[in-house]
Amino acid sequence: MSRIKVWIVEDDADWLRGLTGYLAMQDDIEIVWTTSEPDQLRNALKAGDKAPEAADVVLMDIMLGGKPEGVLLAEEVCAATGARMIMLTSMEEKELIFRSFQAGAIDYQIKTEFEGLPEAIRGAYRSRSPINASVADSMREEFRRLKQMEREFEVKKVEDLITPSELHLLSLIDEGYTQPQIADKLVVSLRTVKNHVNHILKKLNLPGSKDAASKVKALGLFDTRERDKDGPNK
């Protein structure tokens, strides 16, 4: 008999252990991999031949580490593997559940109702197109729109925090200048550069200057600075 191969992504060790044991008692279900770490899952998706055995169905906890990280992971796993995604949640978090469907999930299960998981897994495995295609497209488009809004909000937040001179300093860090080289280039003391860097890191709540430069670059703020410098007619 063919067995349904399942991954479980869950950060509660006791619940993960209990759920794994419960599902292992099902003759037609095989747990082939489990993890509690989002980064470990992302690494597994990039591991190629060293990746865990492929899953037919993935059980994904919505809340990981106190954040709805499972929503983003659901999108990544669906795109990378094509596995059918069932979201696990402790309560009916309607907004997060909706976003999970936007990310590619096809079902969700309340954790306290775990007895229904075996049949949910079987249903997900059997169903080739559980969501109407036009509905799925609309949901994914809405998800993309929400992600763009989130990005625009993050850009605005950082823009309001970082001054033009701090943005210039970060652009030099991104170009590979060391702090002593930046001090020489800007004709200021090394202590002044270090103070500016520390101030930026506190604002952005980041551990290092390269992290700050990478974040600002990813948000496109260096491009904005270049446009402002060139002027409206360029």
Protein backbone atom coordinates (compact mmCIF):
# COMPACT_ATOMS: atom_id res chain seq x y z
CA MET A 1 0.00 0.00 0.00
CA SER A 2 1.31 3.44 -0.94
CA ARG A 3 1.92 5.62 2.10
CA ILE A 4 1.39 9.39 2.24
CA LYS A 5 4.69 11.09 3.03
CA VAL A 6 4.36 13.97 5.50
CA TRP A 7 6.56 16.78 6.80
CA ILE A 8 5.69 18.50 10.08
CA VAL A 9 6.86 22.04 10.90
CA GLU A 10 6.06 22.79 14.56
CA ASP A 11 8.00 24.68 17.25
CA ASP A 12 6.30 23.15 20.31
CA ALA A 13 8.54 20.14 21.04
CA ASP A 14 5.93 18.30 23.13
CA TRP A 15 3.19 18.79 20.56
CA LEU A 16 5.53 17.82 17.72
CA ARG A 17 6.50 14.62 19.53
CA GLY A 18 2.88 13.75 20.32
CA LEU A 19 1.62 14.52 16.82
CA THR A 20 4.42 12.51 15.23
CA GLY A 21 3.60 9.51 17.41
CA TYR A 22 -0.12 9.80 16.76
CA LEU A 23 0.24 9.98 12.98
CA ALA A 24 2.84 7.19 12.95
CA MET A 25 0.07 4.83 14.09
CA GLN A 26 -1.73 5.35 10.78
CA ASP A 27 -0.96 2.56 8.31
CA ASP A 28 -1.11 4.82 5.27
CA ILE A 29 0.83 7.84 6.65
CA GLU A 30 4.59 8.12 7.02
CA ILE A 31 6.33 11.04 8.77
CA VAL A 32 9.50 11.48 6.71
CA TRP A 33 10.83 14.71 8.26
CA THR A 34 10.12 17.16 11.08
CA THR A 35 11.60 20.49 12.10
CA SER A 36 10.91 23.32 14.53
CA GLU A 37 13.24 25.84 12.85
CA PRO A 38 12.18 28.06 9.90
CA ASP A 39 15.81 28.42 8.78
CA GLN A 40 16.27 24.66 8.82
CA LEU A 41 13.25 24.31 6.55
CA ARG A 42 14.55 26.98 4.17
CA ASN A 43 17.92 25.25 4.05
CA ALA A 44 16.21 21.94 3.29
CA LEU A 45 14.43 23.51 0.33
CA LYS A 46 17.82 24.49 -1.12
CA ALA A 47 19.66 21.28 -0.23
CA GLY A 48 19.23 19.50 -3.58
CA ASP A 49 20.31 15.87 -3.32
CA LYS A 50 20.81 16.26 0.43
CA ALA A 51 17.23 17.44 1.00
CA PRO A 52 14.85 15.38 3.14
CA GLU A 53 12.66 12.86 1.35
CA ALA A 54 9.96 14.73 -0.59
CA ALA A 55 6.61 15.22 1.09
CA ASP A 56 3.14 14.75 -0.36
CA VAL A 57 1.60 16.80 2.45
CA VAL A 58 3.15 19.38 4.81
CA LEU A 59 1.67 20.23 8.21
CA MET A 60 2.72 23.81 8.96
CA ASP A 61 2.21 25.61 12.26
CA ILE A 62 1.06 29.18 11.53
CA MET A 63 2.81 30.61 14.60
CA LEU A 64 6.54 29.84 14.88
CA GLY A 65 8.62 31.57 17.51
CA GLY A 66 5.68 33.76 18.45
CA LYS A 67 5.35 35.14 14.89
CA PRO A 68 3.17 34.09 11.92
CA GLU A 69 6.28 32.79 10.16
CA GLY A 70 4.36 29.77 8.92
CA VAL A 71 2.46 31.94 6.44
CA LEU A 72 5.66 32.97 4.63
CA LEU A 73 7.07 29.46 4.85
CA ALA A 74 3.88 28.05 3.34
CA GLU A 75 4.38 30.15 0.23
CA GLU A 76 8.03 29.12 -0.05
CA VAL A 77 7.31 25.41 0.42
CA CYS A 78 4.42 25.40 -2.05
CA ALA A 79 6.53 27.16 -4.67
CA ALA A 80 9.55 24.90 -4.13
CA THR A 81 7.94 21.47 -3.73
CA GLY A 82 4.33 21.49 -4.89
CA ALA A 83 3.37 19.63 -1.71
CA ARG A 84 -0.14 20.11 -0.39
CA MET A 85 -0.14 22.39 2.65
CA ILE A 86 -2.27 22.05 5.79
CA MET A 87 -1.92 24.87 8.32
CA LEU A 88 -2.02 24.13 12.05
CA THR A 89 -3.36 26.74 14.43
CA SER A 90 -4.26 26.97 18.12
CA MET A 91 -7.30 29.12 17.42
CA GLU A 92 -9.33 30.39 14.50
CA GLU A 93 -7.02 33.27 13.60
CA LYS A 94 -9.13 34.30 10.61
CA GLU A 95 -6.74 36.82 9.09
CA LEU A 96 -3.75 34.49 9.33
CA ILE A 97 -5.75 31.56 8.01
CA PHE A 98 -6.87 33.66 5.02
CA ARG A 99 -3.28 34.70 4.36
CA SER A 100 -2.23 31.05 4.57
CA PHE A 101 -4.69 30.17 1.79
CA GLN A 102 -3.33 33.09 -0.21
CA ALA A 103 0.13 31.56 0.22
CA GLY A 104 -0.99 28.23 -1.22
CA ALA A 105 -2.40 26.25 1.72
CA ILE A 106 -5.43 24.09 0.96
CA ASP A 107 -6.69 23.35 4.48
CA TYR A 108 -6.26 24.27 8.12
CA GLN A 109 -6.77 22.32 11.32
CA ILE A 110 -7.27 23.46 14.92
CA LYS A 111 -4.64 21.74 17.06
CA THR A 112 -7.09 20.65 19.73
CA GLU A 113 -8.98 18.76 17.02
CA PHE A 114 -5.93 16.69 16.07
CA GLU A 115 -8.02 13.51 15.78
CA GLY A 116 -9.20 14.83 12.42
CA LEU A 117 -5.70 15.26 11.03
CA PRO A 118 -5.30 11.79 9.48
CA GLU A 119 -8.42 12.26 7.36
CA ALA A 120 -7.39 15.83 6.53
CA ILE A 121 -4.04 14.51 5.30
CA ARG A 122 -5.76 11.86 3.19
CA GLY A 123 -8.12 14.44 1.77
CA ALA A 124 -5.28 16.80 0.90
CA TYR A 125 -3.35 13.97 -0.73
CA ARG A 126 -6.29 12.80 -2.84
CA SER A 127 -7.39 16.25 -3.95
CA ARG A 128 -5.59 17.54 -7.03
CA SER A 129 -7.35 20.91 -7.22
CA PRO A 130 -8.96 21.65 -3.84
CA ILE A 131 -9.43 25.35 -4.59
CA ASN A 132 -11.19 26.69 -7.67
CA ALA A 133 -8.48 27.98 -10.00
CA SER A 134 -9.98 31.46 -10.40
CA VAL A 135 -10.43 31.80 -6.64
CA ALA A 136 -6.86 30.66 -6.06
CA ASP A 137 -5.56 33.21 -8.56
CA SER A 138 -7.54 36.00 -6.89
CA MET A 139 -6.27 35.01 -3.47
CA ARG A 140 -2.66 34.90 -4.62
CA GLU A 141 -3.05 38.30 -6.28
CA GLU A 142 -4.44 39.72 -3.03
CA PHE A 143 -1.52 38.18 -1.16
CA ARG A 144 0.92 39.87 -3.54
CA ARG A 145 -0.91 43.16 -3.02
CA LEU A 146 -0.68 42.81 0.76
CA LYS A 147 3.01 42.00 0.53
CA GLN A 148 3.56 45.12 -1.58
CA MET A 149 1.69 47.21 0.99
CA GLU A 150 3.83 45.73 3.76
CA ARG A 151 6.97 46.55 1.79
CA GLU A 152 5.84 50.13 1.18
CA PHE A 153 5.09 50.52 4.89
CA GLU A 154 8.56 49.19 5.79
CA VAL A 155 10.21 51.54 3.27
CA LYS A 156 8.35 54.53 4.71
CA LYS A 157 9.24 53.52 8.26
CA VAL A 158 12.96 53.28 7.48
CA GLU A 159 12.88 56.48 5.41
CA ASP A 160 11.47 58.30 8.43
CA LEU A 161 14.19 56.88 10.68
CA ILE A 162 17.29 57.40 8.53
CA THR A 163 18.64 60.88 7.71
CA PRO A 164 20.21 61.64 4.28
CA SER A 165 23.69 61.72 5.83
CA GLU A 166 23.11 58.35 7.50
CA LEU A 167 21.86 56.97 4.19
CA HIS A 168 25.04 58.21 2.52
CA LEU A 169 27.14 56.52 5.20
CA LEU A 170 25.28 53.24 4.67
CA SER A 171 25.78 53.49 0.92
CA LEU A 172 29.55 53.75 1.49
CA ILE A 173 29.42 50.68 3.74
CA ASP A 174 27.51 48.85 1.03
CA GLU A 175 30.22 49.82 -1.50
CA GLY A 176 32.81 48.14 0.73
CA TYR A 177 34.43 51.10 2.47
CA THR A 178 35.78 50.44 5.96
CA GLN A 179 35.01 52.83 8.79
CA PRO A 180 38.53 54.38 8.70
CA GLN A 181 38.17 54.86 4.94
CA ILE A 182 34.76 56.47 5.42
CA ALA A 183 36.23 58.82 8.03
CA ASP A 184 38.93 59.90 5.54
CA LYS A 185 36.44 60.27 2.70
CA LEU A 186 34.02 62.38 4.75
CA VAL A 187 36.83 64.27 6.55
CA VAL A 188 35.54 63.40 9.99
CA SER A 189 37.00 61.47 12.91
CA LEU A 190 36.72 57.69 13.15
CA ARG A 191 34.90 58.20 16.45
CA THR A 192 32.24 60.27 14.65
CA VAL A 193 31.72 57.51 12.08
CA LYS A 194 31.42 54.87 14.83
CA ASN A 195 28.90 57.03 16.70
CA HIS A 196 26.80 57.45 13.54
CA VAL A 197 26.91 53.71 12.87
CA ASN A 198 25.87 52.86 16.43
CA HIS A 199 23.01 55.36 16.21
CA ILE A 200 21.79 53.78 12.96
CA LEU A 201 21.95 50.27 14.43
CA LYS A 202 19.87 51.35 17.41
CA LYS A 203 17.28 52.91 15.11
CA LEU A 204 17.00 49.81 12.94
CA ASN A 205 17.51 47.32 15.78
CA LEU A 206 20.17 45.46 13.81
CA PRO A 207 23.45 43.86 14.99
CA GLY A 208 25.91 45.19 12.41
CA SER A 209 26.56 47.91 9.85
CA LYS A 210 26.54 45.45 6.94
CA ASP A 211 23.13 44.20 8.07
CA ALA A 212 21.86 47.79 8.09
CA ALA A 213 23.33 48.52 4.65
CA SER A 214 21.82 45.32 3.23
CA LYS A 215 18.40 46.12 4.67
CA VAL A 216 18.39 49.65 3.26
CA LYS A 217 19.61 48.40 -0.12
CA ALA A 218 16.93 45.69 -0.23
CA LEU A 219 14.29 48.37 0.37
CA GLY A 220 15.59 50.35 -2.62
CA LEU A 221 16.54 53.42 -0.59
CA PHE A 222 19.94 53.76 -2.22
CA ASP A 223 18.13 54.04 -5.57
CA THR A 224 15.92 56.76 -4.11
CA ARG A 225 18.99 58.65 -2.91
CA GLU A 226 20.55 58.52 -6.39
CA ARG A 227 17.35 59.84 -7.99
CA ASP A 228 17.16 62.68 -5.47
CA LYS A 229 20.82 63.53 -6.09
CA ASP A 230 20.38 63.58 -9.87
CA GLY A 231 17.38 65.87 -9.64
CA PRO A 232 13.93 65.76 -11.31
CA ASN A 233 15.20 66.34 -14.85
CA LYS A 234 17.60 63.42 -14.97
